[in-house]
Amino acid sequence: MSISEVKINEVGRRAQENANLIWNAANSLFGAFKPHEYGLVILPMCVIKRFHDCLIPTHDAVLAANQEYGDLGELKVGFLKEASGYQFYNTSRFTFKSLITDPENIENNFHDYLAGFSENVQQILARMNFQAQVDRMVESGVLYQVIVDFAAENLDMSPNRISTVDMGYIFENLVQRFSESYNEEAGAHFTSRDIISCSTH
């Protein structure tokens, strides 16, 4: 086996292992969603957690920039991207770590967190129809547990742990699982390109 084949196999193995960890969060959806619907939650939560973990190191800088340039309207977007170090940002004070400290207010706090994302991320989540899934999780009482699952230390999706290339493979693995269970073509509604295009500097 050549060195390139070994590397390809290693990437595939890591993607499979990480995808398994992410998919295990679906256990919290049992009873609230049908098995073929799990991907409606798991895929967007994977996107959100990836973006969250990318932004954690610059979270305070983005909050400071948002306060400093808040009166500039659309002009502040450039400053916020510069502060975040990415082509996206989140101006909410909440993180996954702080969200799970307040289960009583998880619905309002999570909505605040989602609303803090930049427009390009909002568009991705809108295409995924994620708000409808949040409403279902709230109604069935599983939203807090799902956020706890994704806040787990072994689901660290920061670039230091998972490269952009690996993240693309992980997401494609998850899309394939969802598509197979939902009898739809993989990537019919969302693709790993959405993540990759945003989460590169």
N, C-alpha and C. Protein backbone atom coordinates (compact mmCIF):
# COMPACT_ATOMS: atom_id res chain seq x y z
N MET A 1 0.85 -1.19 0.00
CA MET A 1 0.00 0.00 0.00
C MET A 1 0.89 1.24 0.00
N SER A 2 0.59 2.18 -0.89
CA SER A 2 1.40 3.38 -1.02
C SER A 2 1.15 4.33 0.15
N ILE A 3 2.05 5.31 0.30
CA ILE A 3 1.89 6.29 1.37
C ILE A 3 0.61 7.08 1.19
N SER A 4 0.28 7.44 -0.07
CA SER A 4 -0.94 8.21 -0.32
C SER A 4 -2.18 7.40 0.03
N GLU A 5 -2.15 6.09 -0.24
CA GLU A 5 -3.30 5.24 0.10
C GLU A 5 -3.45 5.11 1.61
N VAL A 6 -2.33 5.05 2.31
CA VAL A 6 -2.37 4.99 3.77
C VAL A 6 -3.00 6.26 4.33
N LYS A 7 -2.59 7.40 3.78
CA LYS A 7 -3.13 8.68 4.26
C LYS A 7 -4.62 8.79 3.98
N ILE A 8 -5.04 8.35 2.80
CA ILE A 8 -6.46 8.38 2.44
C ILE A 8 -7.27 7.50 3.40
N ASN A 9 -6.75 6.31 3.67
CA ASN A 9 -7.44 5.40 4.59
C ASN A 9 -7.52 5.99 6.00
N GLU A 10 -6.46 6.68 6.42
CA GLU A 10 -6.44 7.29 7.74
C GLU A 10 -7.48 8.41 7.85
N VAL A 11 -7.58 9.21 6.80
CA VAL A 11 -8.59 10.28 6.78
C VAL A 11 -9.98 9.68 6.87
N GLY A 12 -10.20 8.60 6.11
CA GLY A 12 -11.50 7.95 6.13
C GLY A 12 -11.83 7.36 7.49
N ARG A 13 -10.82 6.78 8.14
CA ARG A 13 -11.03 6.19 9.46
C ARG A 13 -11.39 7.26 10.48
N ARG A 14 -10.65 8.39 10.46
CA ARG A 14 -10.95 9.48 11.39
C ARG A 14 -12.34 10.05 11.15
N ALA A 15 -12.69 10.20 9.88
CA ALA A 15 -14.02 10.73 9.55
C ALA A 15 -15.11 9.82 10.09
N GLN A 16 -14.91 8.51 9.93
CA GLN A 16 -15.91 7.54 10.40
C GLN A 16 -16.04 7.61 11.92
N GLU A 17 -14.92 7.67 12.63
CA GLU A 17 -14.95 7.71 14.08
C GLU A 17 -15.65 8.97 14.59
N ASN A 18 -15.32 10.11 14.00
CA ASN A 18 -15.94 11.36 14.44
C ASN A 18 -17.41 11.42 14.06
N ALA A 19 -17.75 10.90 12.90
CA ALA A 19 -19.15 10.86 12.49
C ALA A 19 -19.96 9.98 13.44
N ASN A 20 -19.36 8.88 13.90
CA ASN A 20 -20.05 8.00 14.86
C ASN A 20 -20.35 8.74 16.16
N LEU A 21 -19.37 9.52 16.65
CA LEU A 21 -19.57 10.29 17.88
C LEU A 21 -20.71 11.28 17.72
N ILE A 22 -20.72 11.97 16.58
CA ILE A 22 -21.76 12.96 16.32
C ILE A 22 -23.13 12.29 16.21
N TRP A 23 -23.17 11.20 15.47
CA TRP A 23 -24.45 10.51 15.27
C TRP A 23 -25.00 9.93 16.56
N ASN A 24 -24.13 9.62 17.51
CA ASN A 24 -24.59 9.08 18.79
C ASN A 24 -25.49 10.06 19.52
N ALA A 25 -25.36 11.35 19.22
CA ALA A 25 -26.24 12.34 19.84
C ALA A 25 -27.69 12.11 19.45
N ALA A 26 -27.90 11.35 18.38
CA ALA A 26 -29.27 11.05 17.94
C ALA A 26 -30.03 10.24 18.99
N ASN A 27 -29.32 9.60 19.91
CA ASN A 27 -30.00 8.83 20.96
C ASN A 27 -30.94 9.71 21.76
N SER A 28 -30.59 11.00 21.89
CA SER A 28 -31.43 11.92 22.66
C SER A 28 -32.71 12.29 21.92
N LEU A 29 -32.77 11.96 20.63
CA LEU A 29 -33.95 12.29 19.83
C LEU A 29 -34.97 11.17 19.82
N PHE A 30 -34.61 10.04 20.42
CA PHE A 30 -35.50 8.88 20.39
C PHE A 30 -36.85 9.22 21.02
N GLY A 31 -37.92 8.95 20.30
CA GLY A 31 -39.26 9.22 20.78
C GLY A 31 -39.78 10.57 20.33
N ALA A 32 -38.88 11.54 20.20
CA ALA A 32 -39.29 12.88 19.77
C ALA A 32 -39.28 13.00 18.24
N PHE A 33 -38.34 12.27 17.61
CA PHE A 33 -38.23 12.23 16.16
C PHE A 33 -38.22 10.78 15.72
N LYS A 34 -38.67 10.53 14.51
CA LYS A 34 -38.55 9.19 13.94
C LYS A 34 -37.11 9.01 13.49
N PRO A 35 -36.61 7.78 13.50
CA PRO A 35 -35.20 7.54 13.14
C PRO A 35 -34.79 8.17 11.82
N HIS A 36 -35.69 8.14 10.82
CA HIS A 36 -35.30 8.71 9.52
C HIS A 36 -35.28 10.24 9.55
N GLU A 37 -35.70 10.84 10.69
CA GLU A 37 -35.69 12.30 10.81
C GLU A 37 -34.50 12.81 11.63
N TYR A 38 -33.71 11.91 12.18
CA TYR A 38 -32.61 12.33 13.05
C TYR A 38 -31.65 13.30 12.35
N GLY A 39 -31.42 13.07 11.08
CA GLY A 39 -30.50 13.93 10.34
C GLY A 39 -30.95 15.37 10.25
N LEU A 40 -32.26 15.61 10.36
CA LEU A 40 -32.78 16.97 10.32
C LEU A 40 -32.25 17.81 11.48
N VAL A 41 -31.87 17.12 12.56
CA VAL A 41 -31.29 17.80 13.73
C VAL A 41 -29.77 17.65 13.75
N ILE A 42 -29.30 16.43 13.49
CA ILE A 42 -27.86 16.15 13.64
C ILE A 42 -27.02 16.96 12.66
N LEU A 43 -27.45 17.07 11.40
CA LEU A 43 -26.66 17.79 10.40
C LEU A 43 -26.51 19.28 10.73
N PRO A 44 -27.61 20.00 10.96
CA PRO A 44 -27.42 21.42 11.31
C PRO A 44 -26.70 21.63 12.63
N MET A 45 -26.90 20.75 13.60
CA MET A 45 -26.18 20.89 14.86
C MET A 45 -24.69 20.67 14.64
N CYS A 46 -24.34 19.80 13.72
CA CYS A 46 -22.94 19.59 13.38
C CYS A 46 -22.34 20.86 12.78
N VAL A 47 -23.08 21.49 11.89
CA VAL A 47 -22.64 22.76 11.29
C VAL A 47 -22.44 23.81 12.37
N ILE A 48 -23.44 23.96 13.22
CA ILE A 48 -23.40 24.98 14.28
C ILE A 48 -22.22 24.74 15.22
N LYS A 49 -22.01 23.48 15.62
CA LYS A 49 -20.93 23.20 16.56
C LYS A 49 -19.56 23.44 15.93
N ARG A 50 -19.43 23.10 14.65
CA ARG A 50 -18.17 23.37 13.96
C ARG A 50 -17.88 24.87 13.96
N PHE A 51 -18.86 25.67 13.57
CA PHE A 51 -18.67 27.11 13.55
C PHE A 51 -18.40 27.65 14.95
N HIS A 52 -19.13 27.12 15.94
CA HIS A 52 -18.95 27.52 17.33
C HIS A 52 -17.52 27.29 17.78
N ASP A 53 -16.99 26.10 17.50
CA ASP A 53 -15.65 25.76 17.97
C ASP A 53 -14.57 26.52 17.23
N CYS A 54 -14.85 26.89 15.98
CA CYS A 54 -13.92 27.75 15.24
C CYS A 54 -13.84 29.13 15.90
N LEU A 55 -14.97 29.61 16.39
CA LEU A 55 -15.07 30.99 16.88
C LEU A 55 -14.70 31.18 18.34
N ILE A 56 -14.62 30.11 19.10
CA ILE A 56 -14.36 30.24 20.53
C ILE A 56 -13.11 31.06 20.85
N PRO A 57 -11.98 30.85 20.18
CA PRO A 57 -10.78 31.62 20.54
C PRO A 57 -10.92 33.13 20.37
N THR A 58 -11.80 33.57 19.46
CA THR A 58 -11.96 35.00 19.20
C THR A 58 -13.31 35.53 19.69
N HIS A 59 -13.98 34.74 20.52
CA HIS A 59 -15.33 35.12 20.98
C HIS A 59 -15.34 36.49 21.66
N ASP A 60 -14.43 36.70 22.60
CA ASP A 60 -14.40 37.96 23.33
C ASP A 60 -14.05 39.13 22.41
N ALA A 61 -13.18 38.90 21.45
CA ALA A 61 -12.80 39.96 20.51
C ALA A 61 -13.98 40.37 19.64
N VAL A 62 -14.80 39.41 19.24
CA VAL A 62 -15.98 39.71 18.43
C VAL A 62 -17.00 40.50 19.25
N LEU A 63 -17.20 40.11 20.49
CA LEU A 63 -18.13 40.84 21.36
C LEU A 63 -17.67 42.28 21.54
N ALA A 64 -16.37 42.46 21.73
CA ALA A 64 -15.82 43.81 21.90
C ALA A 64 -15.98 44.63 20.63
N ALA A 65 -15.73 44.02 19.47
CA ALA A 65 -15.88 44.72 18.19
C ALA A 65 -17.33 45.08 17.93
N ASN A 66 -18.23 44.17 18.29
CA ASN A 66 -19.66 44.44 18.09
C ASN A 66 -20.12 45.63 18.92
N GLN A 67 -19.59 45.73 20.12
CA GLN A 67 -19.93 46.87 20.98
C GLN A 67 -19.29 48.16 20.47
N GLU A 68 -18.06 48.07 20.01
CA GLU A 68 -17.34 49.26 19.56
C GLU A 68 -17.90 49.82 18.26
N TYR A 69 -18.29 48.92 17.34
CA TYR A 69 -18.73 49.37 16.01
C TYR A 69 -20.23 49.18 15.81
N GLY A 70 -20.96 49.03 16.90
CA GLY A 70 -22.38 48.75 16.81
C GLY A 70 -23.20 49.80 16.10
N ASP A 71 -22.72 51.04 16.08
CA ASP A 71 -23.47 52.14 15.46
C ASP A 71 -23.22 52.27 13.96
N LEU A 72 -22.37 51.42 13.41
CA LEU A 72 -22.00 51.54 12.00
C LEU A 72 -22.91 50.75 11.06
N GLY A 73 -23.90 50.07 11.61
CA GLY A 73 -24.81 49.30 10.76
C GLY A 73 -24.09 48.21 10.00
N GLU A 74 -24.35 48.13 8.68
CA GLU A 74 -23.75 47.09 7.86
C GLU A 74 -22.24 47.24 7.75
N LEU A 75 -21.73 48.43 7.99
CA LEU A 75 -20.29 48.66 7.88
C LEU A 75 -19.49 47.88 8.94
N LYS A 76 -20.18 47.52 10.02
CA LYS A 76 -19.47 46.82 11.09
C LYS A 76 -19.15 45.37 10.74
N VAL A 77 -19.80 44.83 9.69
CA VAL A 77 -19.61 43.43 9.32
C VAL A 77 -18.14 43.13 9.06
N GLY A 78 -17.47 44.03 8.35
CA GLY A 78 -16.06 43.82 8.06
C GLY A 78 -15.21 43.76 9.31
N PHE A 79 -15.52 44.62 10.28
CA PHE A 79 -14.78 44.61 11.55
C PHE A 79 -15.03 43.32 12.32
N LEU A 80 -16.27 42.82 12.26
CA LEU A 80 -16.60 41.59 12.97
C LEU A 80 -15.90 40.38 12.35
N LYS A 81 -15.83 40.34 11.03
CA LYS A 81 -15.11 39.25 10.37
C LYS A 81 -13.63 39.31 10.69
N GLU A 82 -13.10 40.52 10.72
CA GLU A 82 -11.69 40.68 11.06
C GLU A 82 -11.42 40.21 12.48
N ALA A 83 -12.34 40.53 13.39
CA ALA A 83 -12.17 40.14 14.79
C ALA A 83 -12.28 38.62 14.96
N SER A 84 -13.17 37.99 14.19
CA SER A 84 -13.38 36.54 14.32
C SER A 84 -12.26 35.75 13.65
N GLY A 85 -11.67 36.32 12.61
CA GLY A 85 -10.65 35.60 11.86
C GLY A 85 -11.23 34.71 10.79
N TYR A 86 -12.54 34.79 10.57
CA TYR A 86 -13.22 33.97 9.56
C TYR A 86 -14.17 34.85 8.75
N GLN A 87 -14.78 34.23 7.76
CA GLN A 87 -15.78 34.93 6.96
C GLN A 87 -17.17 34.84 7.61
N PHE A 88 -17.21 34.50 8.86
CA PHE A 88 -18.46 34.45 9.62
C PHE A 88 -18.15 34.80 11.06
N TYR A 89 -19.18 35.04 11.85
CA TYR A 89 -18.99 35.43 13.25
C TYR A 89 -20.29 35.18 14.02
N ASN A 90 -20.21 35.36 15.33
CA ASN A 90 -21.40 35.25 16.17
C ASN A 90 -21.28 36.29 17.27
N THR A 91 -22.27 37.17 17.37
CA THR A 91 -22.23 38.27 18.33
C THR A 91 -22.98 37.97 19.62
N SER A 92 -23.52 36.75 19.75
CA SER A 92 -24.21 36.39 20.99
C SER A 92 -23.20 36.20 22.12
N ARG A 93 -23.63 36.54 23.32
CA ARG A 93 -22.75 36.34 24.48
C ARG A 93 -22.68 34.86 24.87
N PHE A 94 -23.58 34.05 24.33
CA PHE A 94 -23.65 32.65 24.74
C PHE A 94 -22.67 31.78 23.96
N THR A 95 -22.22 30.72 24.63
CA THR A 95 -21.47 29.64 24.02
C THR A 95 -22.16 28.34 24.44
N PHE A 96 -21.75 27.21 23.89
CA PHE A 96 -22.35 25.94 24.31
C PHE A 96 -22.10 25.71 25.80
N LYS A 97 -20.93 26.13 26.26
CA LYS A 97 -20.60 25.94 27.68
C LYS A 97 -21.53 26.73 28.58
N SER A 98 -21.84 27.96 28.19
CA SER A 98 -22.73 28.78 29.02
C SER A 98 -24.19 28.38 28.83
N LEU A 99 -24.55 27.90 27.65
CA LEU A 99 -25.93 27.48 27.40
C LEU A 99 -26.36 26.37 28.35
N ILE A 100 -25.46 25.42 28.58
CA ILE A 100 -25.86 24.25 29.39
C ILE A 100 -25.86 24.54 30.89
N THR A 101 -25.46 25.75 31.28
CA THR A 101 -25.51 26.11 32.69
C THR A 101 -26.89 26.64 33.10
N ASP A 102 -27.77 26.83 32.12
CA ASP A 102 -29.08 27.44 32.41
C ASP A 102 -30.19 26.67 31.68
N PRO A 103 -30.48 25.45 32.13
CA PRO A 103 -31.50 24.64 31.43
C PRO A 103 -32.89 25.25 31.43
N GLU A 104 -33.19 26.05 32.44
CA GLU A 104 -34.53 26.63 32.53
C GLU A 104 -34.81 27.62 31.39
N ASN A 105 -33.77 28.23 30.89
CA ASN A 105 -33.95 29.25 29.84
C ASN A 105 -33.30 28.83 28.52
N ILE A 106 -33.18 27.53 28.31
CA ILE A 106 -32.46 27.04 27.15
C ILE A 106 -33.08 27.50 25.84
N GLU A 107 -34.40 27.55 25.74
CA GLU A 107 -35.04 27.94 24.49
C GLU A 107 -34.67 29.38 24.11
N ASN A 108 -34.90 30.31 25.03
CA ASN A 108 -34.60 31.72 24.73
C ASN A 108 -33.11 31.94 24.51
N ASN A 109 -32.29 31.30 25.31
CA ASN A 109 -30.84 31.50 25.18
C ASN A 109 -30.30 30.92 23.88
N PHE A 110 -30.83 29.77 23.46
CA PHE A 110 -30.38 29.17 22.21
C PHE A 110 -30.84 30.01 21.02
N HIS A 111 -32.03 30.55 21.10
CA HIS A 111 -32.49 31.45 20.04
C HIS A 111 -31.59 32.68 19.95
N ASP A 112 -31.18 33.19 21.10
CA ASP A 112 -30.26 34.33 21.13
C ASP A 112 -28.94 33.95 20.48
N TYR A 113 -28.47 32.75 20.79
CA TYR A 113 -27.21 32.29 20.22
C TYR A 113 -27.30 32.17 18.70
N LEU A 114 -28.36 31.55 18.21
CA LEU A 114 -28.52 31.38 16.77
C LEU A 114 -28.66 32.72 16.05
N ALA A 115 -29.37 33.64 16.68
CA ALA A 115 -29.58 34.97 16.07
C ALA A 115 -28.29 35.76 15.98
N GLY A 116 -27.27 35.38 16.76
CA GLY A 116 -26.01 36.10 16.75
C GLY A 116 -25.13 35.78 15.56
N PHE A 117 -25.44 34.72 14.82
CA PHE A 117 -24.62 34.34 13.68
C PHE A 117 -24.73 35.35 12.54
N SER A 118 -23.68 35.45 11.77
CA SER A 118 -23.66 36.32 10.60
C SER A 118 -24.63 35.82 9.54
N GLU A 119 -24.92 36.67 8.57
CA GLU A 119 -25.95 36.38 7.58
C GLU A 119 -25.65 35.12 6.77
N ASN A 120 -24.38 34.88 6.44
CA ASN A 120 -24.07 33.70 5.63
C ASN A 120 -24.40 32.40 6.37
N VAL A 121 -24.19 32.38 7.67
CA VAL A 121 -24.55 31.19 8.46
C VAL A 121 -26.07 31.10 8.59
N GLN A 122 -26.72 32.24 8.77
CA GLN A 122 -28.19 32.25 8.86
C GLN A 122 -28.81 31.64 7.61
N GLN A 123 -28.21 31.92 6.46
CA GLN A 123 -28.74 31.38 5.20
C GLN A 123 -28.60 29.87 5.15
N ILE A 124 -27.47 29.35 5.62
CA ILE A 124 -27.27 27.91 5.66
C ILE A 124 -28.31 27.24 6.54
N LEU A 125 -28.52 27.80 7.74
CA LEU A 125 -29.49 27.23 8.68
C LEU A 125 -30.92 27.34 8.15
N ALA A 126 -31.20 28.41 7.40
CA ALA A 126 -32.53 28.57 6.82
C ALA A 126 -32.78 27.50 5.76
N ARG A 127 -31.76 27.20 4.96
CA ARG A 127 -31.91 26.15 3.94
C ARG A 127 -32.13 24.79 4.59
N MET A 128 -31.58 24.63 5.78
CA MET A 128 -31.78 23.38 6.52
C MET A 128 -33.11 23.35 7.27
N ASN A 129 -33.84 24.47 7.25
CA ASN A 129 -35.12 24.58 7.96
C ASN A 129 -34.93 24.24 9.44
N PHE A 130 -33.84 24.75 10.01
CA PHE A 130 -33.47 24.34 11.36
C PHE A 130 -34.42 24.89 12.41
N GLN A 131 -34.99 26.05 12.19
CA GLN A 131 -35.88 26.61 13.20
C GLN A 131 -37.06 25.69 13.49
N ALA A 132 -37.55 25.04 12.45
CA ALA A 132 -38.66 24.10 12.65
C ALA A 132 -38.23 22.93 13.54
N GLN A 133 -36.98 22.50 13.41
CA GLN A 133 -36.49 21.40 14.24
C GLN A 133 -36.26 21.85 15.68
N VAL A 134 -35.82 23.10 15.84
CA VAL A 134 -35.67 23.65 17.20
C VAL A 134 -37.03 23.67 17.89
N ASP A 135 -38.05 24.11 17.16
CA ASP A 135 -39.41 24.15 17.73
C ASP A 135 -39.86 22.75 18.15
N ARG A 136 -39.56 21.77 17.33
CA ARG A 136 -39.94 20.39 17.67
C ARG A 136 -39.19 19.89 18.89
N MET A 137 -37.90 20.25 18.98
CA MET A 137 -37.12 19.82 20.15
C MET A 137 -37.64 20.48 21.42
N VAL A 138 -38.05 21.73 21.32
CA VAL A 138 -38.62 22.43 22.47
C VAL A 138 -39.91 21.76 22.90
N GLU A 139 -40.78 21.51 21.94
CA GLU A 139 -42.08 20.90 22.24
C GLU A 139 -41.93 19.52 22.88
N SER A 140 -40.93 18.77 22.45
CA SER A 140 -40.74 17.41 22.97
C SER A 140 -39.80 17.36 24.17
N GLY A 141 -39.24 18.51 24.54
CA GLY A 141 -38.41 18.58 25.73
C GLY A 141 -37.02 18.00 25.60
N VAL A 142 -36.46 17.96 24.37
CA VAL A 142 -35.14 17.35 24.19
C VAL A 142 -34.06 18.37 23.81
N LEU A 143 -34.42 19.63 23.64
CA LEU A 143 -33.45 20.62 23.17
C LEU A 143 -32.24 20.71 24.09
N TYR A 144 -32.49 20.79 25.39
CA TYR A 144 -31.37 20.94 26.33
C TYR A 144 -30.42 19.75 26.25
N GLN A 145 -30.95 18.54 26.20
CA GLN A 145 -30.09 17.35 26.17
C GLN A 145 -29.27 17.29 24.88
N VAL A 146 -29.87 17.68 23.77
CA VAL A 146 -29.13 17.68 22.50
C VAL A 146 -27.95 18.66 22.57
N ILE A 147 -28.19 19.82 23.16
CA ILE A 147 -27.11 20.80 23.29
C ILE A 147 -26.04 20.27 24.25
N VAL A 148 -26.45 19.61 25.31
CA VAL A 148 -25.49 18.97 26.23
C VAL A 148 -24.64 17.95 25.48
N ASP A 149 -25.28 17.15 24.63
CA ASP A 149 -24.56 16.14 23.86
C ASP A 149 -23.48 16.77 22.99
N PHE A 150 -23.83 17.84 22.32
CA PHE A 150 -22.88 18.49 21.41
C PHE A 150 -21.84 19.32 22.15
N ALA A 151 -22.12 19.63 23.41
CA ALA A 151 -21.14 20.37 24.21
C ALA A 151 -20.10 19.47 24.84
N ALA A 152 -20.25 18.16 24.68
CA ALA A 152 -19.33 17.20 25.30
C ALA A 152 -17.91 17.42 24.79
N GLU A 153 -16.94 17.16 25.66
CA GLU A 153 -15.53 17.39 25.31
C GLU A 153 -15.08 16.53 24.14
N ASN A 154 -15.63 15.33 24.01
CA ASN A 154 -15.20 14.47 22.91
C ASN A 154 -15.82 14.86 21.58
N LEU A 155 -16.64 15.91 21.58
CA LEU A 155 -17.18 16.44 20.34
C LEU A 155 -16.58 17.81 20.03
N ASP A 156 -15.34 17.98 20.41
CA ASP A 156 -14.59 19.18 20.06
C ASP A 156 -14.35 19.18 18.56
N MET A 157 -14.90 20.17 17.86
CA MET A 157 -14.75 20.26 16.41
C MET A 157 -13.87 21.44 16.00
N SER A 158 -13.00 21.86 16.88
CA SER A 158 -12.13 22.99 16.57
C SER A 158 -11.15 22.62 15.47
N PRO A 159 -10.68 23.61 14.70
CA PRO A 159 -9.73 23.35 13.61
C PRO A 159 -8.43 22.71 14.10
N ASN A 160 -8.07 22.93 15.35
CA ASN A 160 -6.86 22.31 15.88
C ASN A 160 -6.99 20.80 15.99
N ARG A 161 -8.23 20.35 16.14
CA ARG A 161 -8.48 18.91 16.27
C ARG A 161 -8.94 18.28 14.97
N ILE A 162 -9.79 18.99 14.23
CA ILE A 162 -10.34 18.46 12.98
C ILE A 162 -10.06 19.46 11.87
N SER A 163 -9.30 19.05 10.88
CA SER A 163 -8.96 19.93 9.77
C SER A 163 -10.19 20.20 8.91
N THR A 164 -10.09 21.20 8.05
CA THR A 164 -11.19 21.53 7.14
C THR A 164 -11.49 20.35 6.22
N VAL A 165 -10.45 19.68 5.73
CA VAL A 165 -10.64 18.52 4.86
C VAL A 165 -11.36 17.40 5.61
N ASP A 166 -10.89 17.10 6.82
CA ASP A 166 -11.54 16.06 7.62
C ASP A 166 -12.99 16.41 7.92
N MET A 167 -13.25 17.70 8.19
CA MET A 167 -14.61 18.12 8.48
C MET A 167 -15.52 17.88 7.29
N GLY A 168 -14.99 18.12 6.10
CA GLY A 168 -15.77 17.86 4.90
C GLY A 168 -16.14 16.40 4.77
N TYR A 169 -15.18 15.50 5.06
CA TYR A 169 -15.45 14.06 5.00
C TYR A 169 -16.45 13.64 6.06
N ILE A 170 -16.31 14.20 7.25
CA ILE A 170 -17.25 13.88 8.33
C ILE A 170 -18.66 14.26 7.94
N PHE A 171 -18.80 15.46 7.41
CA PHE A 171 -20.14 15.93 7.04
C PHE A 171 -20.72 15.08 5.91
N GLU A 172 -19.89 14.74 4.94
CA GLU A 172 -20.38 13.90 3.84
C GLU A 172 -20.81 12.52 4.37
N ASN A 173 -20.08 12.00 5.35
CA ASN A 173 -20.45 10.73 5.97
C ASN A 173 -21.83 10.84 6.61
N LEU A 174 -22.05 11.94 7.33
CA LEU A 174 -23.34 12.14 8.00
C LEU A 174 -24.47 12.35 6.99
N VAL A 175 -24.19 13.11 5.93
CA VAL A 175 -25.20 13.34 4.90
C VAL A 175 -25.60 12.01 4.26
N GLN A 176 -24.61 11.16 4.01
CA GLN A 176 -24.90 9.86 3.41
C GLN A 176 -25.78 9.02 4.32
N ARG A 177 -25.47 9.02 5.62
CA ARG A 177 -26.29 8.25 6.56
C ARG A 177 -27.73 8.76 6.57
N PHE A 178 -27.86 10.09 6.60
CA PHE A 178 -29.19 10.68 6.62
C PHE A 178 -29.93 10.37 5.33
N SER A 179 -29.26 10.51 4.20
CA SER A 179 -29.90 10.29 2.91
C SER A 179 -30.35 8.84 2.76
N GLU A 180 -29.54 7.92 3.26
CA GLU A 180 -29.91 6.51 3.17
C GLU A 180 -31.14 6.20 4.01
N SER A 181 -31.21 6.81 5.19
CA SER A 181 -32.35 6.55 6.06
C SER A 181 -33.60 7.28 5.60
N TYR A 182 -33.38 8.39 4.86
CA TYR A 182 -34.51 9.22 4.45
C TYR A 182 -34.88 8.98 2.99
N ASN A 183 -34.12 8.07 2.33
CA ASN A 183 -34.37 7.73 0.94
C ASN A 183 -34.27 8.96 0.05
N GLU A 184 -33.25 9.79 0.28
CA GLU A 184 -33.02 10.97 -0.54
C GLU A 184 -31.60 10.97 -1.05
N GLU A 185 -31.38 11.70 -2.11
CA GLU A 185 -30.04 11.81 -2.66
C GLU A 185 -29.15 12.59 -1.69
N ALA A 186 -27.94 12.09 -1.47
CA ALA A 186 -27.01 12.75 -0.56
C ALA A 186 -26.75 14.17 -1.03
N GLY A 187 -26.84 15.09 -0.08
CA GLY A 187 -26.55 16.48 -0.40
C GLY A 187 -27.67 17.20 -1.11
N ALA A 188 -28.87 16.64 -1.10
CA ALA A 188 -29.97 17.26 -1.84
C ALA A 188 -30.31 18.63 -1.28
N HIS A 189 -30.12 18.83 0.01
CA HIS A 189 -30.50 20.08 0.64
C HIS A 189 -29.32 20.87 1.18
N PHE A 190 -28.23 20.21 1.50
CA PHE A 190 -27.08 20.90 2.06
C PHE A 190 -25.84 20.06 1.85
N THR A 191 -24.70 20.69 1.67
CA THR A 191 -23.48 19.96 1.37
C THR A 191 -22.36 20.44 2.25
N SER A 192 -21.28 19.66 2.26
CA SER A 192 -20.11 20.02 3.04
C SER A 192 -19.46 21.29 2.51
N ARG A 193 -19.75 21.66 1.26
CA ARG A 193 -19.18 22.89 0.70
C ARG A 193 -19.60 24.11 1.50
N ASP A 194 -20.82 24.06 2.07
CA ASP A 194 -21.28 25.17 2.89
C ASP A 194 -20.37 25.40 4.08
N ILE A 195 -19.96 24.31 4.71
CA ILE A 195 -19.09 24.41 5.86
C ILE A 195 -17.70 24.85 5.42
N ILE A 196 -17.18 24.19 4.39
CA ILE A 196 -15.81 24.46 3.97
C ILE A 196 -15.65 25.90 3.50
N SER A 197 -16.66 26.41 2.77
CA SER A 197 -16.54 27.77 2.23
C SER A 197 -16.52 28.81 3.33
N CYS A 198 -17.16 28.52 4.45
CA CYS A 198 -17.17 29.47 5.56
C CYS A 198 -15.99 29.28 6.51
N SER A 199 -15.65 28.03 6.75
CA SER A 199 -14.70 27.77 7.85
C SER A 199 -13.24 27.75 7.43
N THR A 200 -12.94 28.36 6.30
CA THR A 200 -11.56 28.61 5.93
C THR A 200 -11.27 30.08 6.13
N HIS A 201 -10.06 30.39 6.55
CA HIS A 201 -9.72 31.78 6.84
C HIS A 201 -9.74 32.61 5.58
